[in-house]
Amino acid sequence: MTVTRETIPLEGVISGQGLERACHLRAVRRKIYADESMKPLCVSYSRCDIEDTDDFPDGEYELSFGAFRIRVIRRTGRYFQ
């Protein structure tokens, strides 16, 4: 098995509480490959940090990018996983 990890920029959407907006984020992408395979068996994301700001109220939101959805909480102007 081979595992790769890299931090990549992504574009996503934050939605919740009747609000929605596009956003820029950085995330750590992890891919797991079977020996000598060119196609990953598994792709996962972690440490999704939203890079831009907004005036959304504190509360629960969903961050989506590609086929992935992550629940985030906005508290004191920052988003947390």
Protein backbone atom coordinates (compact mmCIF):
# COMPACT_ATOMS: atom_id res chain seq x y z
CA MET A 1 0.00 0.00 0.00
CA THR A 2 1.07 3.51 -0.79
CA VAL A 3 -0.35 6.59 0.96
CA THR A 4 0.01 10.15 -0.30
CA ARG A 5 -0.86 13.34 1.59
CA GLU A 6 -0.90 16.86 0.24
CA THR A 7 -2.48 20.19 1.13
CA ILE A 8 -4.52 21.49 -1.76
CA PRO A 9 -6.68 24.55 -2.50
CA LEU A 10 -10.36 23.86 -3.21
CA GLU A 11 -13.54 25.76 -3.95
CA GLY A 12 -16.65 24.80 -2.02
CA VAL A 13 -20.03 25.95 -0.76
CA ILE A 14 -21.06 26.76 2.80
CA SER A 15 -24.77 26.36 3.49
CA GLY A 16 -27.08 26.38 6.48
CA GLN A 17 -29.59 28.50 8.37
CA GLY A 18 -31.16 29.49 5.05
CA LEU A 19 -27.84 30.92 3.80
CA GLU A 20 -25.41 29.76 1.12
CA ARG A 21 -22.21 31.10 -0.41
CA ALA A 22 -19.17 29.96 -2.38
CA CYS A 23 -15.88 29.77 -0.49
CA HIS A 24 -12.18 29.04 -0.87
CA LEU A 25 -10.58 26.47 1.40
CA ARG A 26 -7.42 24.43 1.90
CA ALA A 27 -7.58 20.79 2.86
CA VAL A 28 -5.26 17.85 3.38
CA ARG A 29 -6.09 15.19 0.78
CA ARG A 30 -5.07 11.63 1.58
CA LYS A 31 -5.05 8.92 -1.10
CA ILE A 32 -4.46 5.22 -0.52
CA TYR A 33 -3.23 3.11 -3.44
CA ALA A 34 -2.91 -0.65 -3.79
CA ASP A 35 0.61 -1.70 -4.78
CA GLU A 36 1.44 -0.53 -8.31
CA SER A 37 -2.09 0.81 -8.93
CA MET A 38 -2.59 4.20 -10.61
CA LYS A 39 -6.13 4.64 -9.23
CA PRO A 40 -6.58 5.25 -5.48
CA LEU A 41 -8.65 2.83 -3.43
CA CYS A 42 -9.70 5.58 -1.06
CA VAL A 43 -9.60 9.40 -1.01
CA SER A 44 -10.28 11.38 2.17
CA TYR A 45 -10.00 14.99 3.29
CA SER A 46 -9.12 16.50 6.65
CA ARG A 47 -8.14 19.86 8.15
CA CYS A 48 -10.52 21.79 5.89
CA ASP A 49 -9.74 25.44 6.60
CA ILE A 50 -12.02 28.05 5.05
CA GLU A 51 -9.78 30.90 3.89
CA ASP A 52 -12.26 33.71 3.26
CA THR A 53 -14.64 35.52 5.62
CA ASP A 54 -18.36 36.23 5.72
CA ASP A 55 -21.00 37.76 7.95
CA PHE A 56 -22.98 34.56 8.61
CA PRO A 57 -24.29 34.16 12.18
CA ASP A 58 -22.72 31.62 14.52
CA GLY A 59 -24.24 28.16 14.23
CA GLU A 60 -24.11 24.86 12.35
CA TYR A 61 -23.34 24.73 8.61
CA GLU A 62 -22.39 22.25 5.93
CA LEU A 63 -19.26 22.62 3.81
CA SER A 64 -19.46 20.81 0.48
CA PHE A 65 -16.88 20.36 -2.26
CA GLY A 66 -17.02 17.77 -5.01
CA ALA A 67 -18.89 14.75 -3.65
CA PHE A 68 -17.79 15.49 -0.06
CA ARG A 69 -19.87 17.08 2.70
CA ILE A 70 -18.52 18.11 6.09
CA ARG A 71 -20.41 19.56 9.04
CA VAL A 72 -18.82 22.72 10.42
CA ILE A 73 -19.67 25.07 13.25
CA ARG A 74 -19.18 28.82 13.06
CA ARG A 75 -18.23 30.34 16.39
CA THR A 76 -16.98 33.89 16.98
CA GLY A 77 -16.48 34.42 13.26
CA ARG A 78 -14.48 31.23 12.55
CA TYR A 79 -15.43 27.82 11.20
CA PHE A 80 -14.48 24.62 13.04
CA GLN A 81 -14.91 20.93 12.16
